[in-house]
Amino acid sequence: MPRLMLTDEHWSKLRTILLEDRVYDKPEHRQTMEGILYRMRVGCPWQDLPDTFGLWNTIFRRFLLWTRKGILQRLFKS
């Protein structure tokens, strides 16, 4: 299992921002965020994300959507 980056404290802050941006409160969003951070940290292709984070194409689609809406930029600034 890959090392995770988000503590419960960090996730609660990020979750609040996601809710402000009208992103539904789904439990898998934490794993999605972990998958995005993992990919940014190791630089692997999307298809090579470990299965622990969920389906790579779901993570990729959310990454694109959140990037286009400016949500990721807000999250990273926070």
PDB file of N, CA and C in Angstrom:
ATOM      1  N   MET A   1       0.844  -1.188   0.000  1.00  0.00           N
ATOM      2  CA  MET A   1       0.000   0.000   0.000  1.00  0.00           C
ATOM      3  C   MET A   1       0.882   1.242   0.000  1.00  0.00           C
ATOM      4  N   PRO A   2       0.588   2.190  -0.870  1.00  0.00           N
ATOM      5  CA  PRO A   2       1.384   3.410  -0.902  1.00  0.00           C
ATOM      6  C   PRO A   2       1.174   4.254   0.353  1.00  0.00           C
ATOM      7  N   ARG A   3       2.187   5.037   0.652  1.00  0.00           N
ATOM      8  CA  ARG A   3       2.077   5.943   1.784  1.00  0.00           C
ATOM      9  C   ARG A   3       1.070   7.038   1.484  1.00  0.00           C
ATOM     10  N   LEU A   4       0.228   7.340   2.454  1.00  0.00           N
ATOM     11  CA  LEU A   4      -0.782   8.375   2.280  1.00  0.00           C
ATOM     12  C   LEU A   4      -0.261   9.691   2.840  1.00  0.00           C
ATOM     13  N   MET A   5      -0.761  10.803   2.312  1.00  0.00           N
ATOM     14  CA  MET A   5      -0.266  12.109   2.722  1.00  0.00           C
ATOM     15  C   MET A   5      -1.226  12.874   3.620  1.00  0.00           C
ATOM     16  N   LEU A   6      -2.516  12.650   3.459  1.00  0.00           N
ATOM     17  CA  LEU A   6      -3.504  13.471   4.159  1.00  0.00           C
ATOM     18  C   LEU A   6      -3.814  12.935   5.546  1.00  0.00           C
ATOM     19  N   THR A   7      -3.613  13.777   6.536  1.00  0.00           N
ATOM     20  CA  THR A   7      -4.051  13.433   7.892  1.00  0.00           C
ATOM     21  C   THR A   7      -5.539  13.749   7.982  1.00  0.00           C
ATOM     22  N   ASP A   8      -6.177  13.296   9.029  1.00  0.00           N
ATOM     23  CA  ASP A   8      -7.596  13.597   9.225  1.00  0.00           C
ATOM     24  C   ASP A   8      -7.818  15.114   9.321  1.00  0.00           C
ATOM     25  N   GLU A   9      -6.891  15.812   9.953  1.00  0.00           N
ATOM     26  CA  GLU A   9      -7.004  17.266  10.090  1.00  0.00           C
ATOM     27  C   GLU A   9      -6.932  17.951   8.723  1.00  0.00           C
ATOM     28  N   HIS A  10      -5.947  17.535   7.902  1.00  0.00           N
ATOM     29  CA  HIS A  10      -5.829  18.110   6.565  1.00  0.00           C
ATOM     30  C   HIS A  10      -7.084  17.817   5.737  1.00  0.00           C
ATOM     31  N   TRP A  11      -7.539  16.580   5.804  1.00  0.00           N
ATOM     32  CA  TRP A  11      -8.701  16.208   5.002  1.00  0.00           C
ATOM     33  C   TRP A  11      -9.939  16.999   5.411  1.00  0.00           C
ATOM     34  N   SER A  12     -10.136  17.234   6.705  1.00  0.00           N
ATOM     35  CA  SER A  12     -11.327  17.974   7.121  1.00  0.00           C
ATOM     36  C   SER A  12     -11.310  19.398   6.556  1.00  0.00           C
ATOM     37  N   LYS A  13     -10.132  20.011   6.472  1.00  0.00           N
ATOM     38  CA  LYS A  13     -10.031  21.347   5.876  1.00  0.00           C
ATOM     39  C   LYS A  13     -10.303  21.302   4.369  1.00  0.00           C
ATOM     40  N   LEU A  14      -9.717  20.322   3.690  1.00  0.00           N
ATOM     41  CA  LEU A  14      -9.926  20.196   2.251  1.00  0.00           C
ATOM     42  C   LEU A  14     -11.383  19.851   1.927  1.00  0.00           C
ATOM     43  N   ARG A  15     -11.965  19.024   2.752  1.00  0.00           N
ATOM     44  CA  ARG A  15     -13.366  18.623   2.561  1.00  0.00           C
ATOM     45  C   ARG A  15     -14.287  19.839   2.639  1.00  0.00           C
ATOM     46  N   THR A  16     -13.997  20.738   3.566  1.00  0.00           N
ATOM     47  CA  THR A  16     -14.787  21.963   3.697  1.00  0.00           C
ATOM     48  C   THR A  16     -14.717  22.795   2.418  1.00  0.00           C
ATOM     49  N   ILE A  17     -13.528  22.907   1.842  1.00  0.00           N
ATOM     50  CA  ILE A  17     -13.358  23.662   0.595  1.00  0.00           C
ATOM     51  C   ILE A  17     -14.119  22.988  -0.538  1.00  0.00           C
ATOM     52  N   LEU A  18     -14.038  21.670  -0.610  1.00  0.00           N
ATOM     53  CA  LEU A  18     -14.772  20.948  -1.654  1.00  0.00           C
ATOM     54  C   LEU A  18     -16.276  21.188  -1.531  1.00  0.00           C
ATOM     55  N   LEU A  19     -16.778  21.190  -0.312  1.00  0.00           N
ATOM     56  CA  LEU A  19     -18.212  21.420  -0.114  1.00  0.00           C
ATOM     57  C   LEU A  19     -18.601  22.839  -0.509  1.00  0.00           C
ATOM     58  N   GLU A  20     -17.721  23.809  -0.261  1.00  0.00           N
ATOM     59  CA  GLU A  20     -17.990  25.188  -0.674  1.00  0.00           C
ATOM     60  C   GLU A  20     -18.078  25.299  -2.193  1.00  0.00           C
ATOM     61  N   ASP A  21     -17.314  24.460  -2.897  1.00  0.00           N
ATOM     62  CA  ASP A  21     -17.309  24.471  -4.359  1.00  0.00           C
ATOM     63  C   ASP A  21     -18.343  23.526  -4.950  1.00  0.00           C
ATOM     64  N   ARG A  22     -19.302  23.130  -4.129  1.00  0.00           N
ATOM     65  CA  ARG A  22     -20.421  22.287  -4.559  1.00  0.00           C
ATOM     66  C   ARG A  22     -20.001  20.905  -5.055  1.00  0.00           C
ATOM     67  N   VAL A  23     -18.956  20.372  -4.458  1.00  0.00           N
ATOM     68  CA  VAL A  23     -18.562  18.996  -4.740  1.00  0.00           C
ATOM     69  C   VAL A  23     -19.260  18.140  -3.695  1.00  0.00           C
ATOM     70  N   TYR A  24     -19.966  17.114  -4.132  1.00  0.00           N
ATOM     71  CA  TYR A  24     -20.716  16.274  -3.208  1.00  0.00           C
ATOM     72  C   TYR A  24     -19.791  15.616  -2.196  1.00  0.00           C
ATOM     73  N   ASP A  25     -20.333  15.385  -1.029  1.00  0.00           N
ATOM     74  CA  ASP A  25     -19.574  14.768   0.059  1.00  0.00           C
ATOM     75  C   ASP A  25     -19.600  13.250  -0.097  1.00  0.00           C
ATOM     76  N   LYS A  26     -18.647  12.746  -0.872  1.00  0.00           N
ATOM     77  CA  LYS A  26     -18.543  11.304  -1.076  1.00  0.00           C
ATOM     78  C   LYS A  26     -17.278  10.805  -0.380  1.00  0.00           C
ATOM     79  N   PRO A  27     -17.350   9.644   0.259  1.00  0.00           N
ATOM     80  CA  PRO A  27     -16.171   9.130   0.963  1.00  0.00           C
ATOM     81  C   PRO A  27     -14.990   8.868   0.029  1.00  0.00           C
ATOM     82  N   GLU A  28     -15.250   8.551  -1.243  1.00  0.00           N
ATOM     83  CA  GLU A  28     -14.147   8.233  -2.150  1.00  0.00           C
ATOM     84  C   GLU A  28     -13.367   9.467  -2.602  1.00  0.00           C
ATOM     85  N   HIS A  29     -13.856  10.660  -2.299  1.00  0.00           N
ATOM     86  CA  HIS A  29     -13.120  11.866  -2.686  1.00  0.00           C
ATOM     87  C   HIS A  29     -11.783  11.966  -1.957  1.00  0.00           C
ATOM     88  N   ARG A  30     -11.716  11.447  -0.744  1.00  0.00           N
ATOM     89  CA  ARG A  30     -10.435  11.462  -0.023  1.00  0.00           C
ATOM     90  C   ARG A  30      -9.429  10.586  -0.754  1.00  0.00           C
ATOM     91  N   GLN A  31      -9.847   9.409  -1.187  1.00  0.00           N
ATOM     92  CA  GLN A  31      -8.947   8.522  -1.931  1.00  0.00           C
ATOM     93  C   GLN A  31      -8.572   9.135  -3.278  1.00  0.00           C
ATOM     94  N   THR A  32      -9.513   9.840  -3.905  1.00  0.00           N
ATOM     95  CA  THR A  32      -9.225  10.521  -5.159  1.00  0.00           C
ATOM     96  C   THR A  32      -8.124  11.551  -4.944  1.00  0.00           C
ATOM     97  N   MET A  33      -8.260  12.346  -3.895  1.00  0.00           N
ATOM     98  CA  MET A  33      -7.250  13.369  -3.599  1.00  0.00           C
ATOM     99  C   MET A  33      -5.907  12.719  -3.293  1.00  0.00           C
ATOM    100  N   GLU A  34      -5.916  11.621  -2.558  1.00  0.00           N
ATOM    101  CA  GLU A  34      -4.681  10.888  -2.270  1.00  0.00           C
ATOM    102  C   GLU A  34      -4.049  10.386  -3.566  1.00  0.00           C
ATOM    103  N   GLY A  35      -4.873   9.900  -4.491  1.00  0.00           N
ATOM    104  CA  GLY A  35      -4.363   9.431  -5.781  1.00  0.00           C
ATOM    105  C   GLY A  35      -3.734  10.553  -6.589  1.00  0.00           C
ATOM    106  N   ILE A  36      -4.365  11.719  -6.577  1.00  0.00           N
ATOM    107  CA  ILE A  36      -3.803  12.874  -7.288  1.00  0.00           C
ATOM    108  C   ILE A  36      -2.468  13.274  -6.674  1.00  0.00           C
ATOM    109  N   LEU A  37      -2.420  13.335  -5.349  1.00  0.00           N
ATOM    110  CA  LEU A  37      -1.171  13.699  -4.668  1.00  0.00           C
ATOM    111  C   LEU A  37      -0.076  12.662  -4.915  1.00  0.00           C
ATOM    112  N   TYR A  38      -0.460  11.389  -4.908  1.00  0.00           N
ATOM    113  CA  TYR A  38       0.502  10.320  -5.166  1.00  0.00           C
ATOM    114  C   TYR A  38       1.109  10.465  -6.557  1.00  0.00           C
ATOM    115  N   ARG A  39       0.251  10.687  -7.548  1.00  0.00           N
ATOM    116  CA  ARG A  39       0.734  10.833  -8.919  1.00  0.00           C
ATOM    117  C   ARG A  39       1.644  12.042  -9.063  1.00  0.00           C
ATOM    118  N   MET A  40       1.296  13.134  -8.410  1.00  0.00           N
ATOM    119  CA  MET A  40       2.142  14.327  -8.468  1.00  0.00           C
ATOM    120  C   MET A  40       3.492  14.079  -7.788  1.00  0.00           C
ATOM    121  N   ARG A  41       3.470  13.301  -6.727  1.00  0.00           N
ATOM    122  CA  ARG A  41       4.699  13.035  -5.963  1.00  0.00           C
ATOM    123  C   ARG A  41       5.641  12.110  -6.712  1.00  0.00           C
ATOM    124  N   VAL A  42       5.115  11.045  -7.324  1.00  0.00           N
ATOM    125  CA  VAL A  42       5.996  10.052  -7.954  1.00  0.00           C
ATOM    126  C   VAL A  42       6.122  10.229  -9.461  1.00  0.00           C
ATOM    127  N   GLY A  43       5.190  10.957 -10.080  1.00  0.00           N
ATOM    128  CA  GLY A  43       5.278  11.222 -11.507  1.00  0.00           C
ATOM    129  C   GLY A  43       4.936  10.044 -12.403  1.00  0.00           C
ATOM    130  N   CYS A  44       4.121   9.131 -11.913  1.00  0.00           N
ATOM    131  CA  CYS A  44       3.748   7.966 -12.722  1.00  0.00           C
ATOM    132  C   CYS A  44       2.619   8.323 -13.685  1.00  0.00           C
ATOM    133  N   PRO A  45       2.443   7.551 -14.747  1.00  0.00           N
ATOM    134  CA  PRO A  45       1.274   7.747 -15.618  1.00  0.00           C
ATOM    135  C   PRO A  45      -0.012   7.437 -14.840  1.00  0.00           C
ATOM    136  N   TRP A  46      -1.102   8.048 -15.262  1.00  0.00           N
ATOM    137  CA  TRP A  46      -2.382   7.825 -14.584  1.00  0.00           C
ATOM    138  C   TRP A  46      -2.724   6.343 -14.506  1.00  0.00           C
ATOM    139  N   GLN A  47      -2.455   5.617 -15.593  1.00  0.00           N
ATOM    140  CA  GLN A  47      -2.812   4.188 -15.642  1.00  0.00           C
ATOM    141  C   GLN A  47      -2.037   3.348 -14.629  1.00  0.00           C
ATOM    142  N   ASP A  48      -0.920   3.873 -14.131  1.00  0.00           N
ATOM    143  CA  ASP A  48      -0.102   3.113 -13.189  1.00  0.00           C
ATOM    144  C   ASP A  48      -0.392   3.435 -11.731  1.00  0.00           C
ATOM    145  N   LEU A  49      -1.452   4.194 -11.471  1.00  0.00           N
ATOM    146  CA  LEU A  49      -1.827   4.461 -10.076  1.00  0.00           C
ATOM    147  C   LEU A  49      -2.196   3.156  -9.385  1.00  0.00           C
ATOM    148  N   PRO A  50      -1.753   2.961  -8.153  1.00  0.00           N
ATOM    149  CA  PRO A  50      -2.143   1.753  -7.424  1.00  0.00           C
ATOM    150  C   PRO A  50      -3.662   1.669  -7.253  1.00  0.00           C
ATOM    151  N   ASP A  51      -4.167   0.458  -7.237  1.00  0.00           N
ATOM    152  CA  ASP A  51      -5.610   0.219  -7.123  1.00  0.00           C
ATOM    153  C   ASP A  51      -6.199   0.724  -5.808  1.00  0.00           C
ATOM    154  N   THR A  52      -5.346   0.960  -4.821  1.00  0.00           N
ATOM    155  CA  THR A  52      -5.839   1.442  -3.520  1.00  0.00           C
ATOM    156  C   THR A  52      -6.573   2.760  -3.628  1.00  0.00           C
ATOM    157  N   PHE A  53      -6.256   3.548  -4.642  1.00  0.00           N
ATOM    158  CA  PHE A  53      -6.872   4.861  -4.803  1.00  0.00           C
ATOM    159  C   PHE A  53      -8.179   4.794  -5.597  1.00  0.00           C
ATOM    160  N   GLY A  54      -8.481   3.687  -6.167  1.00  0.00           N
ATOM    161  CA  GLY A  54      -9.680   3.542  -6.989  1.00  0.00           C
ATOM    162  C   GLY A  54      -9.297   3.410  -8.451  1.00  0.00           C
ATOM    163  N   LEU A  55     -10.270   3.512  -9.325  1.00  0.00           N
ATOM    164  CA  LEU A  55     -10.019   3.390 -10.763  1.00  0.00           C
ATOM    165  C   LEU A  55      -9.251   4.613 -11.260  1.00  0.00           C
ATOM    166  N   TRP A  56      -8.189   4.381 -12.002  1.00  0.00           N
ATOM    167  CA  TRP A  56      -7.343   5.494 -12.452  1.00  0.00           C
ATOM    168  C   TRP A  56      -8.120   6.485 -13.307  1.00  0.00           C
ATOM    169  N   ASN A  57      -9.047   5.974 -14.143  1.00  0.00           N
ATOM    170  CA  ASN A  57      -9.771   6.900 -15.024  1.00  0.00           C
ATOM    171  C   ASN A  57     -10.767   7.771 -14.250  1.00  0.00           C
ATOM    172  N   THR A  58     -11.292   7.284 -13.136  1.00  0.00           N
ATOM    173  CA  THR A  58     -12.154   8.101 -12.288  1.00  0.00           C
ATOM    174  C   THR A  58     -11.343   9.217 -11.648  1.00  0.00           C
ATOM    175  N   ILE A  59     -10.164   8.879 -11.168  1.00  0.00           N
ATOM    176  CA  ILE A  59      -9.286   9.881 -10.561  1.00  0.00           C
ATOM    177  C   ILE A  59      -8.885  10.915 -11.605  1.00  0.00           C
ATOM    178  N   PHE A  60      -8.555  10.460 -12.789  1.00  0.00           N
ATOM    179  CA  PHE A  60      -8.164  11.371 -13.867  1.00  0.00           C
ATOM    180  C   PHE A  60      -9.305  12.313 -14.249  1.00  0.00           C
ATOM    181  N   ARG A  61     -10.517  11.777 -14.377  1.00  0.00           N
ATOM    182  CA  ARG A  61     -11.665  12.619 -14.733  1.00  0.00           C
ATOM    183  C   ARG A  61     -11.945  13.667 -13.665  1.00  0.00           C
ATOM    184  N   ARG A  62     -11.861  13.266 -12.392  1.00  0.00           N
ATOM    185  CA  ARG A  62     -12.074  14.243 -11.324  1.00  0.00           C
ATOM    186  C   ARG A  62     -10.956  15.277 -11.305  1.00  0.00           C
ATOM    187  N   PHE A  63      -9.729  14.837 -11.580  1.00  0.00           N
ATOM    188  CA  PHE A  63      -8.607  15.776 -11.658  1.00  0.00           C
ATOM    189  C   PHE A  63      -8.888  16.828 -12.729  1.00  0.00           C
ATOM    190  N   LEU A  64      -9.314  16.395 -13.918  1.00  0.00           N
ATOM    191  CA  LEU A  64      -9.624  17.339 -14.994  1.00  0.00           C
ATOM    192  C   LEU A  64     -10.766  18.282 -14.606  1.00  0.00           C
ATOM    193  N   LEU A  65     -11.828  17.736 -14.049  1.00  0.00           N
ATOM    194  CA  LEU A  65     -12.978  18.543 -13.666  1.00  0.00           C
ATOM    195  C   LEU A  65     -12.601  19.561 -12.597  1.00  0.00           C
ATOM    196  N   TRP A  66     -11.910  19.098 -11.557  1.00  0.00           N
ATOM    197  CA  TRP A  66     -11.534  19.995 -10.468  1.00  0.00           C
ATOM    198  C   TRP A  66     -10.525  21.044 -10.932  1.00  0.00           C
ATOM    199  N   THR A  67      -9.675  20.695 -11.894  1.00  0.00           N
ATOM    200  CA  THR A  67      -8.721  21.663 -12.435  1.00  0.00           C
ATOM    201  C   THR A  67      -9.451  22.725 -13.238  1.00  0.00           C
ATOM    202  N   ARG A  68     -10.353  22.305 -14.099  1.00  0.00           N
ATOM    203  CA  ARG A  68     -11.101  23.252 -14.936  1.00  0.00           C
ATOM    204  C   ARG A  68     -11.941  24.213 -14.111  1.00  0.00           C
ATOM    205  N   LYS A  69     -12.486  23.731 -13.000  1.00  0.00           N
ATOM    206  CA  LYS A  69     -13.310  24.576 -12.144  1.00  0.00           C
ATOM    207  C   LYS A  69     -12.479  25.423 -11.177  1.00  0.00           C
ATOM    208  N   GLY A  70     -11.165  25.209 -11.138  1.00  0.00           N
ATOM    209  CA  GLY A  70     -10.303  25.965 -10.239  1.00  0.00           C
ATOM    210  C   GLY A  70     -10.285  25.446  -8.812  1.00  0.00           C
ATOM    211  N   ILE A  71     -10.902  24.292  -8.600  1.00  0.00           N
ATOM    212  CA  ILE A  71     -10.996  23.739  -7.249  1.00  0.00           C
ATOM    213  C   ILE A  71      -9.620  23.302  -6.742  1.00  0.00           C
ATOM    214  N   LEU A  72      -8.851  22.626  -7.575  1.00  0.00           N
ATOM    215  CA  LEU A  72      -7.529  22.176  -7.135  1.00  0.00           C
ATOM    216  C   LEU A  72      -6.616  23.347  -6.784  1.00  0.00           C
ATOM    217  N   GLN A  73      -6.701  24.400  -7.547  1.00  0.00           N
ATOM    218  CA  GLN A  73      -5.885  25.573  -7.248  1.00  0.00           C
ATOM    219  C   GLN A  73      -6.240  26.121  -5.863  1.00  0.00           C
ATOM    220  N   ARG A  74      -7.525  26.196  -5.564  1.00  0.00           N
ATOM    221  CA  ARG A  74      -7.944  26.647  -4.233  1.00  0.00           C
ATOM    222  C   ARG A  74      -7.469  25.703  -3.140  1.00  0.00           C
ATOM    223  N   LEU A  75      -7.542  24.391  -3.416  1.00  0.00           N
ATOM    224  CA  LEU A  75      -7.105  23.417  -2.417  1.00  0.00           C
ATOM    225  C   LEU A  75      -5.611  23.550  -2.137  1.00  0.00           C
ATOM    226  N   PHE A  76      -4.825  23.694  -3.198  1.00  0.00           N
ATOM    227  CA  PHE A  76      -3.379  23.770  -3.017  1.00  0.00           C
ATOM    228  C   PHE A  76      -2.951  25.081  -2.364  1.00  0.00           C
ATOM    229  N   LYS A  77      -3.693  26.152  -2.608  1.00  0.00           N
ATOM    230  CA  LYS A  77      -3.381  27.421  -1.941  1.00  0.00           C
ATOM    231  C   LYS A  77      -3.676  27.335  -0.452  1.00  0.00           C
ATOM    232  N   SER A  78      -4.670  26.535  -0.103  1.00  0.00           N
ATOM    233  CA  SER A  78      -5.035  26.379   1.309  1.00  0.00           C
ATOM    234  C   SER A  78      -4.034  25.502   2.012  1.00  0.00           C
TER     235      SER A  78
END
